[in-house]
């Protein structure tokens, strides 16, 4: 009998090893984004630190033009670092957010175009009160 339980244990170990191998094959593609996030996180933090230093330098008493340039560069780096962080930390949500923002921006752009077109058209259109009157001399 002890021989049978040892054989059963060996068979169970073989099944566990096979399951572990299958699990590795199954989970490998899901770990790739994690590796990317681990590599990108320090780079994003470095970008944000540099941006903070640049924005802080913009507060120094320098020439106005230098302060504007430093402030703008710092804000651009903050925006880039924030966007990278959002994309690395929340890839699916970021894509949804960006697509929604694109739709909103496109709608706003279209509305400004249509309103401008309507304004230009209204300036050359016949006024409603003139169009409602009958032409003079004809009855």
C-alpha atoms as a PDB file:
ATOM      1  CA  UNK A   1       0.000   0.000   0.000  1.00  0.00           C
ATOM      2  CA  UNK A   2       2.703   2.560   0.718  1.00  0.00           C
ATOM      3  CA  UNK A   3       3.907   1.986  -2.821  1.00  0.00           C
ATOM      4  CA  UNK A   4       0.527   2.980  -4.238  1.00  0.00           C
ATOM      5  CA  UNK A   5       0.332   6.250  -2.271  1.00  0.00           C
ATOM      6  CA  UNK A   6       3.853   7.151  -3.381  1.00  0.00           C
ATOM      7  CA  UNK A   7       2.860   6.476  -6.951  1.00  0.00           C
ATOM      8  CA  UNK A   8      -0.278   8.592  -6.499  1.00  0.00           C
ATOM      9  CA  UNK A   9       1.814  11.429  -5.080  1.00  0.00           C
ATOM     10  CA  UNK A  10       4.189  11.220  -8.027  1.00  0.00           C
ATOM     11  CA  UNK A  11       1.284  11.378 -10.474  1.00  0.00           C
ATOM     12  CA  UNK A  12      -0.150  14.378  -8.647  1.00  0.00           C
ATOM     13  CA  UNK A  13       3.219  16.159  -8.789  1.00  0.00           C
ATOM     14  CA  UNK A  14       3.351  15.498 -12.514  1.00  0.00           C
ATOM     15  CA  UNK A  15      -0.114  17.056 -12.949  1.00  0.00           C
ATOM     16  CA  UNK A  16       0.883  20.097 -10.877  1.00  0.00           C
ATOM     17  CA  UNK A  17       4.018  20.584 -12.969  1.00  0.00           C
ATOM     18  CA  UNK A  18       1.952  20.372 -16.143  1.00  0.00           C
ATOM     19  CA  UNK A  19      -0.574  22.869 -14.801  1.00  0.00           C
ATOM     20  CA  UNK A  20       2.227  25.226 -13.777  1.00  0.00           C
ATOM     21  CA  UNK A  21       3.704  25.016 -17.282  1.00  0.00           C
ATOM     22  CA  UNK A  22       0.303  25.723 -18.806  1.00  0.00           C
ATOM     23  CA  UNK A  23      -0.151  28.653 -16.438  1.00  0.00           C
ATOM     24  CA  UNK A  24       3.208  30.133 -17.463  1.00  0.00           C
ATOM     25  CA  UNK A  25       2.258  29.897 -21.141  1.00  0.00           C
ATOM     26  CA  UNK A  26      -1.131  31.446 -20.435  1.00  0.00           C
ATOM     27  CA  UNK A  27       0.091  34.346 -18.262  1.00  0.00           C
ATOM     28  CA  UNK A  28       3.211  35.308 -20.233  1.00  0.00           C
ATOM     29  CA  UNK A  29       1.437  37.714 -22.626  1.00  0.00           C
ATOM     30  CA  UNK A  30      -0.302  39.402 -19.693  1.00  0.00           C
ATOM     31  CA  UNK A  31       2.986  40.172 -17.943  1.00  0.00           C
ATOM     32  CA  UNK A  32       4.462  42.150 -20.866  1.00  0.00           C
ATOM     33  CA  UNK A  33       2.629  45.416 -19.997  1.00  0.00           C
ATOM     34  CA  UNK A  34       3.831  45.050 -16.414  1.00  0.00           C
ATOM     35  CA  UNK A  35       7.450  44.920 -17.575  1.00  0.00           C
ATOM     36  CA  UNK A  36       6.881  48.010 -19.694  1.00  0.00           C
ATOM     37  CA  UNK A  37       5.349  49.828 -16.727  1.00  0.00           C
ATOM     38  CA  UNK A  38       8.276  48.886 -14.498  1.00  0.00           C
ATOM     39  CA  UNK A  39      10.745  50.299 -17.031  1.00  0.00           C
ATOM     40  CA  UNK A  40       8.714  53.414 -17.860  1.00  0.00           C
ATOM     41  CA  UNK A  41       7.889  54.469 -14.305  1.00  0.00           C
ATOM     42  CA  UNK A  42      11.382  55.773 -13.383  1.00  0.00           C
ATOM     43  CA  UNK A  43      11.646  57.555 -16.744  1.00  0.00           C
ATOM     44  CA  UNK A  44       8.307  59.279 -16.185  1.00  0.00           C
ATOM     45  CA  UNK A  45       9.344  60.284 -12.673  1.00  0.00           C
ATOM     46  CA  UNK A  46      12.578  61.724 -14.077  1.00  0.00           C
ATOM     47  CA  UNK A  47      10.623  63.755 -16.651  1.00  0.00           C
ATOM     48  CA  UNK A  48       8.359  65.113 -13.910  1.00  0.00           C
ATOM     49  CA  UNK A  49      11.317  66.017 -11.668  1.00  0.00           C
ATOM     50  CA  UNK A  50      13.033  67.843 -14.532  1.00  0.00           C
ATOM     51  CA  UNK A  51       9.759  69.639 -15.285  1.00  0.00           C
ATOM     52  CA  UNK A  52       9.469  70.685 -11.651  1.00  0.00           C
ATOM     53  CA  UNK A  53      12.999  72.065 -11.657  1.00  0.00           C
ATOM     54  CA  UNK A  54      12.340  74.009 -14.873  1.00  0.00           C
ATOM     55  CA  UNK A  55       9.066  75.459 -13.586  1.00  0.00           C
ATOM     56  CA  UNK A  56      10.803  76.409 -10.332  1.00  0.00           C
ATOM     57  CA  UNK A  57      13.578  78.083 -12.338  1.00  0.00           C
ATOM     58  CA  UNK A  58      10.891  80.078 -14.136  1.00  0.00           C
ATOM     59  CA  UNK A  59      10.008  81.651 -10.788  1.00  0.00           C
ATOM     60  CA  UNK A  60      13.511  83.110 -10.415  1.00  0.00           C
ATOM     61  CA  UNK A  61      13.970  86.828 -11.109  1.00  0.00           C
ATOM     62  CA  UNK A  62      15.087  86.533 -14.741  1.00  0.00           C
ATOM     63  CA  UNK A  63      14.203  88.412 -17.898  1.00  0.00           C
ATOM     64  CA  UNK A  64      10.556  88.138 -18.813  1.00  0.00           C
ATOM     65  CA  UNK A  65      11.278  86.277 -22.042  1.00  0.00           C
ATOM     66  CA  UNK A  66      13.434  83.686 -20.237  1.00  0.00           C
ATOM     67  CA  UNK A  67      10.770  83.168 -17.588  1.00  0.00           C
ATOM     68  CA  UNK A  68       8.078  82.655 -20.227  1.00  0.00           C
ATOM     69  CA  UNK A  69      10.210  80.155 -22.149  1.00  0.00           C
ATOM     70  CA  UNK A  70      11.148  78.233 -18.993  1.00  0.00           C
ATOM     71  CA  UNK A  71       7.563  78.189 -17.776  1.00  0.00           C
ATOM     72  CA  UNK A  72       6.259  76.982 -21.123  1.00  0.00           C
ATOM     73  CA  UNK A  73       8.910  74.235 -21.407  1.00  0.00           C
ATOM     74  CA  UNK A  74       8.195  73.093 -17.859  1.00  0.00           C
ATOM     75  CA  UNK A  75       4.470  72.940 -18.478  1.00  0.00           C
ATOM     76  CA  UNK A  76       5.006  70.971 -21.688  1.00  0.00           C
ATOM     77  CA  UNK A  77       7.145  68.460 -19.791  1.00  0.00           C
ATOM     78  CA  UNK A  78       4.517  68.181 -17.055  1.00  0.00           C
ATOM     79  CA  UNK A  79       1.859  67.508 -19.688  1.00  0.00           C
ATOM     80  CA  UNK A  80       4.009  64.906 -21.442  1.00  0.00           C
ATOM     81  CA  UNK A  81       4.934  63.208 -18.170  1.00  0.00           C
ATOM     82  CA  UNK A  82       1.322  63.172 -17.026  1.00  0.00           C
ATOM     83  CA  UNK A  83       0.137  61.736 -20.331  1.00  0.00           C
ATOM     84  CA  UNK A  84       2.818  59.035 -20.247  1.00  0.00           C
ATOM     85  CA  UNK A  85       1.919  58.173 -16.677  1.00  0.00           C
ATOM     86  CA  UNK A  86      -1.769  57.913 -17.527  1.00  0.00           C
ATOM     87  CA  UNK A  87      -1.053  55.749 -20.547  1.00  0.00           C
ATOM     88  CA  UNK A  88       1.309  53.406 -18.675  1.00  0.00           C
ATOM     89  CA  UNK A  89      -0.813  53.134 -15.533  1.00  0.00           C
ATOM     90  CA  UNK A  90      -4.244  53.006 -17.199  1.00  0.00           C
ATOM     91  CA  UNK A  91      -3.822  52.053 -20.876  1.00  0.00           C
ATOM     92  CA  UNK A  92      -7.423  51.154 -21.697  1.00  0.00           C
ATOM     93  CA  UNK A  93      -8.974  54.029 -19.798  1.00  0.00           C
ATOM     94  CA  UNK A  94      -6.515  56.468 -21.389  1.00  0.00           C
ATOM     95  CA  UNK A  95      -7.475  55.360 -24.877  1.00  0.00           C
ATOM     96  CA  UNK A  96     -11.164  55.767 -24.020  1.00  0.00           C
ATOM     97  CA  UNK A  97     -10.510  59.198 -22.519  1.00  0.00           C
ATOM     98  CA  UNK A  98      -8.473  60.337 -25.527  1.00  0.00           C
ATOM     99  CA  UNK A  99     -11.125  59.159 -27.966  1.00  0.00           C
ATOM    100  CA  UNK A 100     -13.811  60.988 -25.981  1.00  0.00           C
ATOM    101  CA  UNK A 101     -11.650  64.115 -25.907  1.00  0.00           C
ATOM    102  CA  UNK A 102     -11.139  63.862 -29.678  1.00  0.00           C
ATOM    103  CA  UNK A 103     -14.891  63.637 -30.223  1.00  0.00           C
ATOM    104  CA  UNK A 104     -15.499  66.656 -27.991  1.00  0.00           C
ATOM    105  CA  UNK A 105     -12.731  68.659 -29.684  1.00  0.00           C
ATOM    106  CA  UNK A 106     -14.041  67.725 -33.129  1.00  0.00           C
ATOM    107  CA  UNK A 107     -17.543  68.726 -32.158  1.00  0.00           C
ATOM    108  CA  UNK A 108     -16.348  72.052 -30.757  1.00  0.00           C
ATOM    109  CA  UNK A 109     -14.292  72.710 -33.892  1.00  0.00           C
ATOM    110  CA  UNK A 110     -17.268  71.868 -36.086  1.00  0.00           C
ATOM    111  CA  UNK A 111     -19.546  74.126 -34.071  1.00  0.00           C
ATOM    112  CA  UNK A 112     -17.189  77.071 -34.437  1.00  0.00           C
ATOM    113  CA  UNK A 113     -16.976  76.454 -38.177  1.00  0.00           C
ATOM    114  CA  UNK A 114     -20.744  76.178 -38.580  1.00  0.00           C
ATOM    115  CA  UNK A 115     -21.393  79.270 -36.469  1.00  0.00           C
ATOM    116  CA  UNK A 116     -18.841  81.244 -38.467  1.00  0.00           C
ATOM    117  CA  UNK A 117     -20.409  80.061 -41.717  1.00  0.00           C
ATOM    118  CA  UNK A 118     -23.896  80.958 -40.502  1.00  0.00           C
ATOM    119  CA  UNK A 119     -22.693  84.398 -39.410  1.00  0.00           C
ATOM    120  CA  UNK A 120     -21.110  85.087 -42.803  1.00  0.00           C
ATOM    121  CA  UNK A 121     -24.208  83.765 -44.566  1.00  0.00           C
ATOM    122  CA  UNK A 122     -26.558  85.868 -42.431  1.00  0.00           C
ATOM    123  CA  UNK A 123     -24.707  89.036 -43.400  1.00  0.00           C
ATOM    124  CA  UNK A 124     -25.415  88.441 -47.102  1.00  0.00           C
ATOM    125  CA  UNK A 125     -28.873  86.900 -46.746  1.00  0.00           C
ATOM    126  CA  UNK A 126     -32.085  88.696 -47.492  1.00  0.00           C
ATOM    127  CA  UNK A 127     -33.705  89.872 -44.267  1.00  0.00           C
ATOM    128  CA  UNK A 128     -36.856  87.988 -43.327  1.00  0.00           C
ATOM    129  CA  UNK A 129     -38.943  91.167 -43.187  1.00  0.00           C
ATOM    130  CA  UNK A 130     -37.919  92.087 -46.776  1.00  0.00           C
ATOM    131  CA  UNK A 131     -38.600  88.580 -48.036  1.00  0.00           C
ATOM    132  CA  UNK A 132     -42.080  88.582 -46.561  1.00  0.00           C
ATOM    133  CA  UNK A 133     -43.119  91.778 -48.323  1.00  0.00           C
ATOM    134  CA  UNK A 134     -44.451  91.726 -51.803  1.00  0.00           C
ATOM    135  CA  UNK A 135     -42.398  93.344 -54.508  1.00  0.00           C
ATOM    136  CA  UNK A 136     -43.288  96.964 -55.041  1.00  0.00           C
ATOM    137  CA  UNK A 137     -45.505  97.828 -57.935  1.00  0.00           C
ATOM    138  CA  UNK A 138     -47.019  94.358 -58.236  1.00  0.00           C
ATOM    139  CA  UNK A 139     -50.316  93.435 -56.679  1.00  0.00           C
END
